[in-house]
Structure formats: C-alpha cells, structure tokens
C-alpha atoms as a PDB file:
ATOM      1  CA  UNK A   1      -0.208   0.052   0.219  1.00  0.00           C
ATOM      2  CA  UNK A   2       3.110   2.625   1.028  1.00  0.00           C
ATOM      3  CA  UNK A   3       4.328   1.415  -2.240  1.00  0.00           C
ATOM      4  CA  UNK A   4       1.698   2.037  -4.418  1.00  0.00           C
ATOM      5  CA  UNK A   5       1.010   5.656  -2.216  1.00  0.00           C
ATOM      6  CA  UNK A   6       5.145   6.278  -3.032  1.00  0.00           C
ATOM      7  CA  UNK A   7       4.583   5.445  -6.793  1.00  0.00           C
ATOM      8  CA  UNK A   8       1.314   7.730  -6.976  1.00  0.00           C
ATOM      9  CA  UNK A   9       3.397  10.522  -5.057  1.00  0.00           C
ATOM     10  CA  UNK A  10       6.414  10.513  -7.310  1.00  0.00           C
ATOM     11  CA  UNK A  11       4.365   9.705 -10.947  1.00  0.00           C
ATOM     12  CA  UNK A  12       2.416  13.132  -9.507  1.00  0.00           C
ATOM     13  CA  UNK A  13       5.567  15.383  -8.868  1.00  0.00           C
ATOM     14  CA  UNK A  14       7.291  14.434 -12.745  1.00  0.00           C
ATOM     15  CA  UNK A  15       4.119  15.174 -13.840  1.00  0.00           C
ATOM     16  CA  UNK A  16       4.251  18.699 -12.298  1.00  0.00           C
ATOM     17  CA  UNK A  17       7.991  18.728 -13.435  1.00  0.00           C
ATOM     18  CA  UNK A  18       6.804  17.885 -17.133  1.00  0.00           C
ATOM     19  CA  UNK A  19       4.148  20.937 -16.682  1.00  0.00           C
ATOM     20  CA  UNK A  20       6.630  22.946 -15.676  1.00  0.00           C
ATOM     21  CA  UNK A  21       9.166  22.105 -18.375  1.00  0.00           C
ATOM     22  CA  UNK A  22       6.326  22.822 -20.698  1.00  0.00           C
ATOM     23  CA  UNK A  23       5.110  26.081 -19.229  1.00  0.00           C
ATOM     24  CA  UNK A  24       8.624  27.598 -19.375  1.00  0.00           C
ATOM     25  CA  UNK A  25       9.374  26.034 -22.915  1.00  0.00           C
ATOM     26  CA  UNK A  26       5.879  28.362 -24.148  1.00  0.00           C
ATOM     27  CA  UNK A  27       7.499  31.365 -22.287  1.00  0.00           C
ATOM     28  CA  UNK A  28      11.112  30.921 -24.122  1.00  0.00           C
ATOM     29  CA  UNK A  29       8.632  30.732 -27.504  1.00  0.00           C
ATOM     30  CA  UNK A  30       6.655  33.628 -27.109  1.00  0.00           C
ATOM     31  CA  UNK A  31       9.502  35.586 -26.039  1.00  0.00           C
ATOM     32  CA  UNK A  32      11.603  34.214 -29.578  1.00  0.00           C
ATOM     33  CA  UNK A  33       8.093  35.521 -31.179  1.00  0.00           C
ATOM     34  CA  UNK A  34       8.828  38.797 -30.095  1.00  0.00           C
ATOM     35  CA  UNK A  35      12.165  38.941 -31.815  1.00  0.00           C
ATOM     36  CA  UNK A  36      14.209  40.820 -29.636  1.00  0.00           C
ATOM     37  CA  UNK A  37      17.036  41.233 -31.821  1.00  0.00           C
ATOM     38  CA  UNK A  38      15.053  43.969 -33.728  1.00  0.00           C
ATOM     39  CA  UNK A  39      14.386  46.033 -31.184  1.00  0.00           C
ATOM     40  CA  UNK A  40      18.001  48.163 -32.240  1.00  0.00           C
ATOM     41  CA  UNK A  41      15.577  49.705 -34.551  1.00  0.00           C
ATOM     42  CA  UNK A  42      13.801  51.123 -31.790  1.00  0.00           C
ATOM     43  CA  UNK A  43      16.478  53.423 -30.691  1.00  0.00           C
ATOM     44  CA  UNK A  44      15.322  55.903 -33.042  1.00  0.00           C
ATOM     45  CA  UNK A  45      12.721  57.069 -30.424  1.00  0.00           C
ATOM     46  CA  UNK A  46      16.071  58.916 -28.822  1.00  0.00           C
ATOM     47  CA  UNK A  47      16.735  60.586 -31.569  1.00  0.00           C
ATOM     48  CA  UNK A  48      14.546  63.838 -31.194  1.00  0.00           C
ATOM     49  CA  UNK A  49      15.757  64.383 -27.142  1.00  0.00           C
ATOM     50  CA  UNK A  50      19.623  63.637 -27.943  1.00  0.00           C
ATOM     51  CA  UNK A  51      19.462  65.587 -31.473  1.00  0.00           C
ATOM     52  CA  UNK A  52      17.454  68.470 -29.517  1.00  0.00           C
ATOM     53  CA  UNK A  53      19.750  68.413 -26.267  1.00  0.00           C
ATOM     54  CA  UNK A  54      17.378  66.930 -23.866  1.00  0.00           C
ATOM     55  CA  UNK A  55      18.819  63.739 -23.211  1.00  0.00           C
ATOM     56  CA  UNK A  56      20.871  64.237 -20.039  1.00  0.00           C
ATOM     57  CA  UNK A  57      17.591  65.886 -18.476  1.00  0.00           C
ATOM     58  CA  UNK A  58      16.469  63.026 -16.314  1.00  0.00           C
ATOM     59  CA  UNK A  59      12.588  63.407 -16.513  1.00  0.00           C
ATOM     60  CA  UNK A  60      13.178  63.570 -20.691  1.00  0.00           C
ATOM     61  CA  UNK A  61      15.300  60.251 -20.303  1.00  0.00           C
ATOM     62  CA  UNK A  62      12.334  58.756 -18.358  1.00  0.00           C
ATOM     63  CA  UNK A  63      10.044  59.800 -20.647  1.00  0.00           C
ATOM     64  CA  UNK A  64      12.296  58.894 -23.750  1.00  0.00           C
ATOM     65  CA  UNK A  65      12.983  55.162 -21.734  1.00  0.00           C
ATOM     66  CA  UNK A  66       9.073  54.462 -21.826  1.00  0.00           C
ATOM     67  CA  UNK A  67       8.751  55.663 -25.325  1.00  0.00           C
ATOM     68  CA  UNK A  68      11.277  52.721 -26.125  1.00  0.00           C
ATOM     69  CA  UNK A  69      10.415  50.402 -24.058  1.00  0.00           C
ATOM     70  CA  UNK A  70       6.563  51.023 -25.833  1.00  0.00           C
ATOM     71  CA  UNK A  71       7.795  50.601 -28.858  1.00  0.00           C
ATOM     72  CA  UNK A  72       9.537  47.811 -28.065  1.00  0.00           C
ATOM     73  CA  UNK A  73       6.144  46.307 -27.180  1.00  0.00           C
ATOM     74  CA  UNK A  74       4.077  47.527 -30.333  1.00  0.00           C
ATOM     75  CA  UNK A  75       7.540  46.153 -32.570  1.00  0.00           C
ATOM     76  CA  UNK A  76       6.953  42.954 -30.884  1.00  0.00           C
ATOM     77  CA  UNK A  77       3.180  42.731 -31.618  1.00  0.00           C
ATOM     78  CA  UNK A  78       3.438  43.534 -35.212  1.00  0.00           C
ATOM     79  CA  UNK A  79       6.007  41.034 -35.767  1.00  0.00           C
ATOM     80  CA  UNK A  80       3.316  38.474 -34.751  1.00  0.00           C
ATOM     81  CA  UNK A  81       1.136  40.138 -37.112  1.00  0.00           C
ATOM     82  CA  UNK A  82       3.491  39.814 -39.811  1.00  0.00           C
ATOM     83  CA  UNK A  83       3.871  35.895 -38.681  1.00  0.00           C
ATOM     84  CA  UNK A  84       0.745  35.478 -38.705  1.00  0.00           C
ATOM     85  CA  UNK A  85      -0.334  36.915 -42.230  1.00  0.00           C
ATOM     86  CA  UNK A  86       2.708  35.090 -43.565  1.00  0.00           C
ATOM     87  CA  UNK A  87       2.377  32.030 -42.336  1.00  0.00           C
ATOM     88  CA  UNK A  88       2.409  29.819 -45.086  1.00  0.00           C
ATOM     89  CA  UNK A  89       5.171  31.465 -47.325  1.00  0.00           C
ATOM     90  CA  UNK A  90       7.427  31.271 -44.090  1.00  0.00           C
ATOM     91  CA  UNK A  91       7.351  27.590 -44.053  1.00  0.00           C
ATOM     92  CA  UNK A  92       8.685  27.834 -47.614  1.00  0.00           C
ATOM     93  CA  UNK A  93      11.501  29.900 -46.500  1.00  0.00           C
ATOM     94  CA  UNK A  94      14.927  28.366 -45.828  1.00  0.00           C
ATOM     95  CA  UNK A  95      15.306  30.615 -42.284  1.00  0.00           C
ATOM     96  CA  UNK A  96      11.977  31.722 -41.665  1.00  0.00           C
ATOM     97  CA  UNK A  97      10.243  28.148 -41.733  1.00  0.00           C
ATOM     98  CA  UNK A  98      12.068  27.582 -37.997  1.00  0.00           C
ATOM     99  CA  UNK A  99      10.385  30.710 -36.439  1.00  0.00           C
ATOM    100  CA  UNK A 100       7.713  28.845 -33.841  1.00  0.00           C
ATOM    101  CA  UNK A 101       5.135  29.924 -35.951  1.00  0.00           C
ATOM    102  CA  UNK A 102       5.629  28.388 -38.960  1.00  0.00           C
ATOM    103  CA  UNK A 103       7.397  25.225 -37.389  1.00  0.00           C
ATOM    104  CA  UNK A 104       3.943  24.621 -35.948  1.00  0.00           C
ATOM    105  CA  UNK A 105       5.823  24.921 -31.798  1.00  0.00           C
ATOM    106  CA  UNK A 106       3.307  27.856 -30.900  1.00  0.00           C
ATOM    107  CA  UNK A 107      -0.056  27.479 -31.631  1.00  0.00           C
ATOM    108  CA  UNK A 108      -1.556  30.624 -33.582  1.00  0.00           C
ATOM    109  CA  UNK A 109      -4.442  31.606 -31.005  1.00  0.00           C
ATOM    110  CA  UNK A 110      -1.469  31.766 -28.052  1.00  0.00           C
ATOM    111  CA  UNK A 111       0.161  34.124 -30.726  1.00  0.00           C
ATOM    112  CA  UNK A 112      -2.845  36.110 -30.681  1.00  0.00           C
ATOM    113  CA  UNK A 113      -3.420  36.704 -27.241  1.00  0.00           C
ATOM    114  CA  UNK A 114       0.211  37.082 -26.952  1.00  0.00           C
ATOM    115  CA  UNK A 115      -0.040  39.951 -29.319  1.00  0.00           C
ATOM    116  CA  UNK A 116      -2.869  41.198 -27.790  1.00  0.00           C
ATOM    117  CA  UNK A 117      -1.084  41.594 -24.534  1.00  0.00           C
ATOM    118  CA  UNK A 118       2.135  43.059 -25.617  1.00  0.00           C
ATOM    119  CA  UNK A 119      -0.068  45.752 -28.003  1.00  0.00           C
ATOM    120  CA  UNK A 120      -2.086  46.991 -24.271  1.00  0.00           C
ATOM    121  CA  UNK A 121       0.992  46.994 -22.692  1.00  0.00           C
ATOM    122  CA  UNK A 122       2.697  49.380 -25.438  1.00  0.00           C
ATOM    123  CA  UNK A 123       0.446  51.206 -25.618  1.00  0.00           C
ATOM    124  CA  UNK A 124      -0.234  51.811 -21.607  1.00  0.00           C
ATOM    125  CA  UNK A 125       3.604  51.978 -21.176  1.00  0.00           C
ATOM    126  CA  UNK A 126       3.043  55.130 -23.522  1.00  0.00           C
ATOM    127  CA  UNK A 127      -0.146  56.433 -22.461  1.00  0.00           C
ATOM    128  CA  UNK A 128       1.221  56.355 -18.459  1.00  0.00           C
ATOM    129  CA  UNK A 129       4.729  57.066 -18.558  1.00  0.00           C
ATOM    130  CA  UNK A 130       4.650  59.728 -21.464  1.00  0.00           C
ATOM    131  CA  UNK A 131       1.414  61.642 -22.763  1.00  0.00           C
ATOM    132  CA  UNK A 132      -1.134  61.000 -25.367  1.00  0.00           C
ATOM    133  CA  UNK A 133      -0.138  61.919 -27.920  1.00  0.00           C
ATOM    134  CA  UNK A 134       3.090  59.254 -28.080  1.00  0.00           C
ATOM    135  CA  UNK A 135       0.507  56.596 -26.991  1.00  0.00           C
ATOM    136  CA  UNK A 136      -1.421  57.539 -30.416  1.00  0.00           C
ATOM    137  CA  UNK A 137       1.695  57.462 -32.751  1.00  0.00           C
ATOM    138  CA  UNK A 138       2.109  54.090 -31.079  1.00  0.00           C
ATOM    139  CA  UNK A 139      -1.275  52.836 -31.712  1.00  0.00           C
ATOM    140  CA  UNK A 140      -0.681  54.687 -35.542  1.00  0.00           C
ATOM    141  CA  UNK A 141       2.117  52.411 -36.149  1.00  0.00           C
ATOM    142  CA  UNK A 142       0.429  49.315 -34.552  1.00  0.00           C
ATOM    143  CA  UNK A 143      -2.709  50.004 -37.290  1.00  0.00           C
ATOM    144  CA  UNK A 144      -0.363  51.440 -40.426  1.00  0.00           C
ATOM    145  CA  UNK A 145       1.947  47.841 -39.734  1.00  0.00           C
ATOM    146  CA  UNK A 146      -1.428  45.830 -39.691  1.00  0.00           C
ATOM    147  CA  UNK A 147      -2.321  47.694 -43.328  1.00  0.00           C
ATOM    148  CA  UNK A 148       1.267  46.928 -44.177  1.00  0.00           C
ATOM    149  CA  UNK A 149       1.376  43.127 -43.372  1.00  0.00           C
ATOM    150  CA  UNK A 150      -2.428  43.090 -44.652  1.00  0.00           C
ATOM    151  CA  UNK A 151      -1.899  44.724 -48.358  1.00  0.00           C
ATOM    152  CA  UNK A 152       0.529  46.940 -48.724  1.00  0.00           C
ATOM    153  CA  UNK A 153       3.802  45.161 -48.713  1.00  0.00           C
ATOM    154  CA  UNK A 154       2.392  43.813 -51.904  1.00  0.00           C
ATOM    155  CA  UNK A 155       2.610  47.153 -53.575  1.00  0.00           C
ATOM    156  CA  UNK A 156       5.681  47.623 -55.520  1.00  0.00           C
ATOM    157  CA  UNK A 157       7.656  50.999 -53.736  1.00  0.00           C
ATOM    158  CA  UNK A 158       4.991  51.792 -51.390  1.00  0.00           C
ATOM    159  CA  UNK A 159       6.427  48.522 -49.428  1.00  0.00           C
ATOM    160  CA  UNK A 160       9.721  50.556 -48.840  1.00  0.00           C
ATOM    161  CA  UNK A 161       7.919  53.526 -47.919  1.00  0.00           C
ATOM    162  CA  UNK A 162       5.564  52.360 -45.706  1.00  0.00           C
ATOM    163  CA  UNK A 163       8.930  50.633 -43.732  1.00  0.00           C
ATOM    164  CA  UNK A 164      10.283  54.312 -43.861  1.00  0.00           C
ATOM    165  CA  UNK A 165       6.862  55.646 -41.897  1.00  0.00           C
ATOM    166  CA  UNK A 166       7.653  53.232 -39.240  1.00  0.00           C
ATOM    167  CA  UNK A 167      10.910  54.635 -38.502  1.00  0.00           C
ATOM    168  CA  UNK A 168       9.540  58.506 -38.514  1.00  0.00           C
ATOM    169  CA  UNK A 169       6.889  57.358 -36.548  1.00  0.00           C
ATOM    170  CA  UNK A 170       9.920  56.540 -33.903  1.00  0.00           C
ATOM    171  CA  UNK A 171      10.959  59.682 -34.155  1.00  0.00           C
ATOM    172  CA  UNK A 172       7.648  61.614 -33.406  1.00  0.00           C
ATOM    173  CA  UNK A 173       7.035  59.155 -30.808  1.00  0.00           C
ATOM    174  CA  UNK A 174      10.309  60.223 -28.934  1.00  0.00           C
ATOM    175  CA  UNK A 175       9.490  63.774 -29.969  1.00  0.00           C
ATOM    176  CA  UNK A 176       5.916  64.203 -28.170  1.00  0.00           C
ATOM    177  CA  UNK A 177       7.500  61.904 -25.184  1.00  0.00           C
ATOM    178  CA  UNK A 178       9.872  64.651 -24.278  1.00  0.00           C
ATOM    179  CA  UNK A 179       8.242  67.555 -25.760  1.00  0.00           C
ATOM    180  CA  UNK A 180      10.917  68.266 -27.930  1.00  0.00           C
ATOM    181  CA  UNK A 181      10.269  69.728 -31.354  1.00  0.00           C
ATOM    182  CA  UNK A 182      12.346  67.346 -34.210  1.00  0.00           C
ATOM    183  CA  UNK A 183      14.505  69.024 -36.666  1.00  0.00           C
ATOM    184  CA  UNK A 184      13.105  68.516 -40.331  1.00  0.00           C
ATOM    185  CA  UNK A 185      16.873  67.845 -41.462  1.00  0.00           C
ATOM    186  CA  UNK A 186      16.272  64.661 -38.906  1.00  0.00           C
ATOM    187  CA  UNK A 187      13.081  63.943 -40.575  1.00  0.00           C
ATOM    188  CA  UNK A 188      14.833  63.679 -43.631  1.00  0.00           C
ATOM    189  CA  UNK A 189      17.659  61.402 -42.593  1.00  0.00           C
ATOM    190  CA  UNK A 190      15.792  59.017 -41.111  1.00  0.00           C
ATOM    191  CA  UNK A 191      13.500  59.117 -44.500  1.00  0.00           C
ATOM    192  CA  UNK A 192      16.453  58.572 -46.443  1.00  0.00           C
ATOM    193  CA  UNK A 193      18.063  56.108 -43.701  1.00  0.00           C
ATOM    194  CA  UNK A 194      14.852  53.623 -43.604  1.00  0.00           C
ATOM    195  CA  UNK A 195      14.623  53.947 -47.541  1.00  0.00           C
ATOM    196  CA  UNK A 196      18.395  52.618 -47.761  1.00  0.00           C
ATOM    197  CA  UNK A 197      17.978  49.764 -45.499  1.00  0.00           C
ATOM    198  CA  UNK A 198      14.657  48.655 -46.929  1.00  0.00           C
ATOM    199  CA  UNK A 199      15.894  48.580 -50.467  1.00  0.00           C
ATOM    200  CA  UNK A 200      19.459  46.504 -49.681  1.00  0.00           C
ATOM    201  CA  UNK A 201      16.630  44.250 -47.573  1.00  0.00           C
ATOM    202  CA  UNK A 202      14.918  44.126 -51.081  1.00  0.00           C
ATOM    203  CA  UNK A 203      18.210  43.214 -52.935  1.00  0.00           C
ATOM    204  CA  UNK A 204      19.032  40.498 -50.495  1.00  0.00           C
ATOM    205  CA  UNK A 205      16.014  38.824 -50.488  1.00  0.00           C
ATOM    206  CA  UNK A 206      15.760  38.884 -54.005  1.00  0.00           C
ATOM    207  CA  UNK A 207      18.912  37.454 -54.556  1.00  0.00           C
ATOM    208  CA  UNK A 208      19.603  35.094 -51.579  1.00  0.00           C
ATOM    209  CA  UNK A 209      16.202  33.299 -52.609  1.00  0.00           C
ATOM    210  CA  UNK A 210      16.216  33.442 -56.318  1.00  0.00           C
ATOM    211  CA  UNK A 211      13.638  31.023 -57.692  1.00  0.00           C
ATOM    212  CA  UNK A 212      12.146  31.042 -54.425  1.00  0.00           C
ATOM    213  CA  UNK A 213      11.789  34.743 -54.099  1.00  0.00           C
ATOM    214  CA  UNK A 214       8.496  35.235 -55.451  1.00  0.00           C
ATOM    215  CA  UNK A 215       6.951  32.242 -53.213  1.00  0.00           C
ATOM    216  CA  UNK A 216       8.274  34.331 -50.016  1.00  0.00           C
ATOM    217  CA  UNK A 217       7.303  37.629 -50.990  1.00  0.00           C
ATOM    218  CA  UNK A 218       4.769  38.488 -54.039  1.00  0.00           C
ATOM    219  CA  UNK A 219       6.118  41.883 -54.198  1.00  0.00           C
ATOM    220  CA  UNK A 220       9.317  40.647 -55.420  1.00  0.00           C
ATOM    221  CA  UNK A 221       8.328  39.773 -58.787  1.00  0.00           C
ATOM    222  CA  UNK A 222       8.147  43.410 -59.328  1.00  0.00           C
ATOM    223  CA  UNK A 223      12.087  44.264 -58.515  1.00  0.00           C
ATOM    224  CA  UNK A 224      15.182  43.583 -60.142  1.00  0.00           C
ATOM    225  CA  UNK A 225      18.659  43.737 -58.682  1.00  0.00           C
ATOM    226  CA  UNK A 226      19.590  46.425 -61.825  1.00  0.00           C
ATOM    227  CA  UNK A 227      16.303  48.307 -60.490  1.00  0.00           C
ATOM    228  CA  UNK A 228      17.169  47.677 -56.827  1.00  0.00           C
ATOM    229  CA  UNK A 229      20.623  48.990 -57.347  1.00  0.00           C
ATOM    230  CA  UNK A 230      19.397  52.386 -58.575  1.00  0.00           C
ATOM    231  CA  UNK A 231      17.386  52.922 -56.030  1.00  0.00           C
ATOM    232  CA  UNK A 232      20.115  52.020 -53.319  1.00  0.00           C
ATOM    233  CA  UNK A 233      22.582  54.099 -55.458  1.00  0.00           C
ATOM    234  CA  UNK A 234      19.958  57.096 -55.149  1.00  0.00           C
ATOM    235  CA  UNK A 235      19.288  57.162 -51.220  1.00  0.00           C
ATOM    236  CA  UNK A 236      22.680  56.106 -50.505  1.00  0.00           C
ATOM    237  CA  UNK A 237      23.551  59.487 -52.141  1.00  0.00           C
ATOM    238  CA  UNK A 238      20.610  61.677 -50.477  1.00  0.00           C
ATOM    239  CA  UNK A 239      21.327  60.029 -47.167  1.00  0.00           C
ATOM    240  CA  UNK A 240      24.534  61.827 -47.347  1.00  0.00           C
ATOM    241  CA  UNK A 241      23.403  64.738 -49.076  1.00  0.00           C
ATOM    242  CA  UNK A 242      20.781  65.301 -46.241  1.00  0.00           C
ATOM    243  CA  UNK A 243      23.595  64.320 -43.364  1.00  0.00           C
ATOM    244  CA  UNK A 244      25.795  66.742 -44.413  1.00  0.00           C
ATOM    245  CA  UNK A 245      23.814  69.432 -45.432  1.00  0.00           C
ATOM    246  CA  UNK A 246      22.264  69.180 -41.462  1.00  0.00           C
ATOM    247  CA  UNK A 247      25.694  69.151 -40.052  1.00  0.00           C
ATOM    248  CA  UNK A 248      26.302  72.380 -41.374  1.00  0.00           C
ATOM    249  CA  UNK A 249      22.924  74.332 -41.457  1.00  0.00           C
ATOM    250  CA  UNK A 250      22.452  77.539 -39.995  1.00  0.00           C
ATOM    251  CA  UNK A 251      20.088  76.027 -37.302  1.00  0.00           C
ATOM    252  CA  UNK A 252      22.291  73.393 -36.542  1.00  0.00           C
ATOM    253  CA  UNK A 253      25.158  75.543 -35.339  1.00  0.00           C
ATOM    254  CA  UNK A 254      23.007  77.923 -33.583  1.00  0.00           C
ATOM    255  CA  UNK A 255      21.192  75.443 -31.449  1.00  0.00           C
ATOM    256  CA  UNK A 256      24.423  73.577 -31.023  1.00  0.00           C
ATOM    257  CA  UNK A 257      26.641  76.816 -31.175  1.00  0.00           C
ATOM    258  CA  UNK A 258      29.288  74.684 -33.157  1.00  0.00           C
ATOM    259  CA  UNK A 259      30.068  74.008 -36.675  1.00  0.00           C
ATOM    260  CA  UNK A 260      32.088  70.561 -35.407  1.00  0.00           C
ATOM    261  CA  UNK A 261      29.166  68.035 -36.188  1.00  0.00           C
ATOM    262  CA  UNK A 262      31.051  67.816 -39.052  1.00  0.00           C
ATOM    263  CA  UNK A 263      32.974  66.092 -37.912  1.00  0.00           C
ATOM    264  CA  UNK A 264      30.470  62.945 -37.838  1.00  0.00           C
ATOM    265  CA  UNK A 265      30.389  63.008 -41.342  1.00  0.00           C
ATOM    266  CA  UNK A 266      32.905  59.936 -42.270  1.00  0.00           C
ATOM    267  CA  UNK A 267      31.353  57.718 -39.438  1.00  0.00           C
ATOM    268  CA  UNK A 268      28.010  57.894 -41.506  1.00  0.00           C
ATOM    269  CA  UNK A 269      30.104  57.359 -44.754  1.00  0.00           C
ATOM    270  CA  UNK A 270      31.584  54.296 -43.597  1.00  0.00           C
ATOM    271  CA  UNK A 271      28.471  53.275 -41.917  1.00  0.00           C
ATOM    272  CA  UNK A 272      26.434  53.008 -45.208  1.00  0.00           C
ATOM    273  CA  UNK A 273      29.450  51.550 -47.217  1.00  0.00           C
ATOM    274  CA  UNK A 274      30.434  48.855 -44.443  1.00  0.00           C
ATOM    275  CA  UNK A 275      26.509  47.605 -44.568  1.00  0.00           C
ATOM    276  CA  UNK A 276      26.894  47.366 -48.236  1.00  0.00           C
ATOM    277  CA  UNK A 277      29.646  45.525 -48.347  1.00  0.00           C
ATOM    278  CA  UNK A 278      27.844  43.357 -45.812  1.00  0.00           C
ATOM    279  CA  UNK A 279      24.820  43.133 -48.391  1.00  0.00           C
ATOM    280  CA  UNK A 280      26.723  42.699 -51.172  1.00  0.00           C
ATOM    281  CA  UNK A 281      29.539  40.656 -50.751  1.00  0.00           C
ATOM    282  CA  UNK A 282      28.722  38.915 -47.336  1.00  0.00           C
ATOM    283  CA  UNK A 283      24.567  38.666 -47.899  1.00  0.00           C
ATOM    284  CA  UNK A 284      23.902  39.860 -44.629  1.00  0.00           C
ATOM    285  CA  UNK A 285      21.909  42.955 -45.734  1.00  0.00           C
ATOM    286  CA  UNK A 286      18.160  40.402 -45.622  1.00  0.00           C
ATOM    287  CA  UNK A 287      18.154  41.544 -41.896  1.00  0.00           C
ATOM    288  CA  UNK A 288      19.280  45.119 -41.187  1.00  0.00           C
ATOM    289  CA  UNK A 289      19.205  44.463 -37.595  1.00  0.00           C
ATOM    290  CA  UNK A 290      21.037  41.100 -37.521  1.00  0.00           C
ATOM    291  CA  UNK A 291      24.066  42.948 -39.595  1.00  0.00           C
ATOM    292  CA  UNK A 292      24.080  45.578 -36.909  1.00  0.00           C
ATOM    293  CA  UNK A 293      23.762  43.223 -33.816  1.00  0.00           C
ATOM    294  CA  UNK A 294      26.335  40.628 -35.316  1.00  0.00           C
ATOM    295  CA  UNK A 295      28.777  42.733 -37.423  1.00  0.00           C
ATOM    296  CA  UNK A 296      32.087  44.480 -34.978  1.00  0.00           C
ATOM    297  CA  UNK A 297      32.850  47.317 -37.397  1.00  0.00           C
ATOM    298  CA  UNK A 298      29.701  48.316 -37.757  1.00  0.00           C
ATOM    299  CA  UNK A 299      29.294  48.397 -33.863  1.00  0.00           C
ATOM    300  CA  UNK A 300      32.411  50.124 -33.459  1.00  0.00           C
ATOM    301  CA  UNK A 301      31.484  52.682 -36.214  1.00  0.00           C
ATOM    302  CA  UNK A 302      28.252  53.418 -34.704  1.00  0.00           C
ATOM    303  CA  UNK A 303      29.838  54.117 -30.956  1.00  0.00           C
ATOM    304  CA  UNK A 304      32.080  56.583 -32.538  1.00  0.00           C
ATOM    305  CA  UNK A 305      29.556  58.125 -34.151  1.00  0.00           C
ATOM    306  CA  UNK A 306      27.660  57.882 -31.064  1.00  0.00           C
ATOM    307  CA  UNK A 307      30.381  59.544 -29.109  1.00  0.00           C
ATOM    308  CA  UNK A 308      31.537  62.360 -31.592  1.00  0.00           C
ATOM    309  CA  UNK A 309      27.751  63.096 -31.249  1.00  0.00           C
ATOM    310  CA  UNK A 310      27.524  63.456 -27.868  1.00  0.00           C
ATOM    311  CA  UNK A 311      31.172  65.206 -27.656  1.00  0.00           C
ATOM    312  CA  UNK A 312      30.252  68.128 -30.046  1.00  0.00           C
ATOM    313  CA  UNK A 313      26.601  68.673 -28.825  1.00  0.00           C
ATOM    314  CA  UNK A 314      26.767  68.268 -24.603  1.00  0.00           C
ATOM    315  CA  UNK A 315      30.792  68.285 -24.232  1.00  0.00           C
ATOM    316  CA  UNK A 316      31.564  72.072 -25.129  1.00  0.00           C
ATOM    317  CA  UNK A 317      31.024  73.441 -21.996  1.00  0.00           C
ATOM    318  CA  UNK A 318      33.450  71.222 -20.985  1.00  0.00           C
ATOM    319  CA  UNK A 319      35.980  70.695 -23.923  1.00  0.00           C
ATOM    320  CA  UNK A 320      35.521  74.556 -25.687  1.00  0.00           C
ATOM    321  CA  UNK A 321      37.636  76.399 -23.235  1.00  0.00           C
ATOM    322  CA  UNK A 322      40.620  73.956 -24.272  1.00  0.00           C
ATOM    323  CA  UNK A 323      39.773  73.069 -27.742  1.00  0.00           C
ATOM    324  CA  UNK A 324      39.625  77.089 -29.764  1.00  0.00           C
ATOM    325  CA  UNK A 325      38.389  74.794 -33.074  1.00  0.00           C
ATOM    326  CA  UNK A 326      35.249  74.228 -30.749  1.00  0.00           C
ATOM    327  CA  UNK A 327      33.821  78.057 -30.970  1.00  0.00           C
END
C-alpha cells in the first residue's frame, strides 16, 4: 500500500515537473516571437531628445526610455501580426520556417493572445509614462503595420516607403514623449536611411532566395537587382547629402553653438559603405538589425559616431575652453 502511494506521489511530482518544463518552453517560444534582436530599430525614439539637447535631463530621459519600451512591445506585436499573415509563405522560406509559428511550436491562438497582451502593454506604457500624443503615435504605428501586413507590402516601392513611415513614427514618438521639436533635417535623414535599409533588404532577399523569392514575398516579382541597385545608389547619395547639409545648417550651428558636428560625417559614410559591403559581399543585408548586432566593425563605428555626436552636442561646456576650433 505504501509503495503504491509512493509511486503515485512520484508520478504526480514527475507530471508537475513536466508541466513546468512545458510551461517554461512555451514562455521561451513566446519571447522568441518578440524578436528582441529587432529592438535596435527602436533606438530611433532617442533621436529627437539627443539632437534636441534634452538627453541628460532626467525627466526627458525617463520619458524617452518609456517610449522606447513601448515601441519595443508594439514592434514585437507587429512581428506576430506579420508572422500570422505570412504563415504559409514562411514555411517555404529556408530560415523563417524555423520560427515558432511556421514550425508549429506555437499555436496561432496563443500567438494572438500574446499579441493582444503586447499591444495593451505598449499603449499602456506610452499613455501612463509619457503622454497621450506618444500613445496615439504608437497606436497609429500598430494600425499602419496591420495594413502593411495585410495589403501594402504587396505594392511595389510603396512597401519600402511604408517601412520608412515606421521609422518616422519612432522619431515622432520620441519627440512627443519628451516635448522636443524634431528638426526637419532629422526627419529627412531618417526617411532616407530607412529607404536605404529597405531597398538593400529587398535586394538581398531577391538574390539569396533566387527562384523562391516570389513564393516568399510576392512583391519581389516587381523588383530586379538592376532596378534596386539604382534605388540604393539614389538613397545612399541623398542620405549623405541630407546628413552633411544638416551638420552645416545655420540652425544646427546655432542650436549646438558649434560647427564641429561635421566631424561625424566620415562615420556616417563608413556606416553606409560597410552596410553595402555586408549586403553585396557577405549577403548579410536580408536582416538589417542582425547585420548591426553581429558585425563588430559596424558596431564600433556606431559607437564612434555616437561619441562624436555626444561630445559635440553636450561636451562644449567642458571641452570648449581647451579646444579653440570648437567655437
């Protein structure tokens, strides 16, 4: 009798252990759906407070951080929406078929429930820790991306331009959250760099997927490598021109009280050229965020650019008396 009871207790404990492992496995898969490595894009919410000289104001930094968290939750929800719409196509993709939804490791109903939690969390964080305008921008971002996943991603050229809208909304969310007026040069530079990333990604998909490109993404039938090369050349040039003009613009010089932001131009040039190298020669351009996260020279260049910008924008009170040309 005692042995039977002991065995029953052991079986119950083993069953509980299995349940706990299955629960933890589901949690891990749900976090995989969020694609945390894509969150680097959401750093754009800090652009307006950084270039508006508000970053080191504690209240503004807290508001920008809240907007960043809100956008991370919102973008993760959007990725789930996209995965649900592209479920069948992703199953035919050599890499994307390993994702939790196409691989069948997460049920669509559970993914929808998790998506709803993320959406509610993103808007809640924005509303309670920033303000209504920032929350509305994030809500607009979610609606826009649902429309993108449903129809707009199949419209040639417009699909890439709509991706650029998402980056502009990130800028506006950071600006509204911190009550900072974004420079029109900042918006133009963001528009061009996001178009650059979008067209490079389309080219990489077209090349790497070859005959299966249209099966994965229908809009790719309207693109060709030659056409995308032309688009990439145009937006690379306009990105550089916009950024250079921004650094020497009279308003920029007046706000920062220095002409030395132009020192950051070589880093921007190297970043664009390095990214093209990754895409054209190492075929890393299919995932812009992964290329950023994995490439050490690219990361080092971003750090150098960031230090130059922070030094020029915020360091003049400390460096100005010692370095004459910062005047």
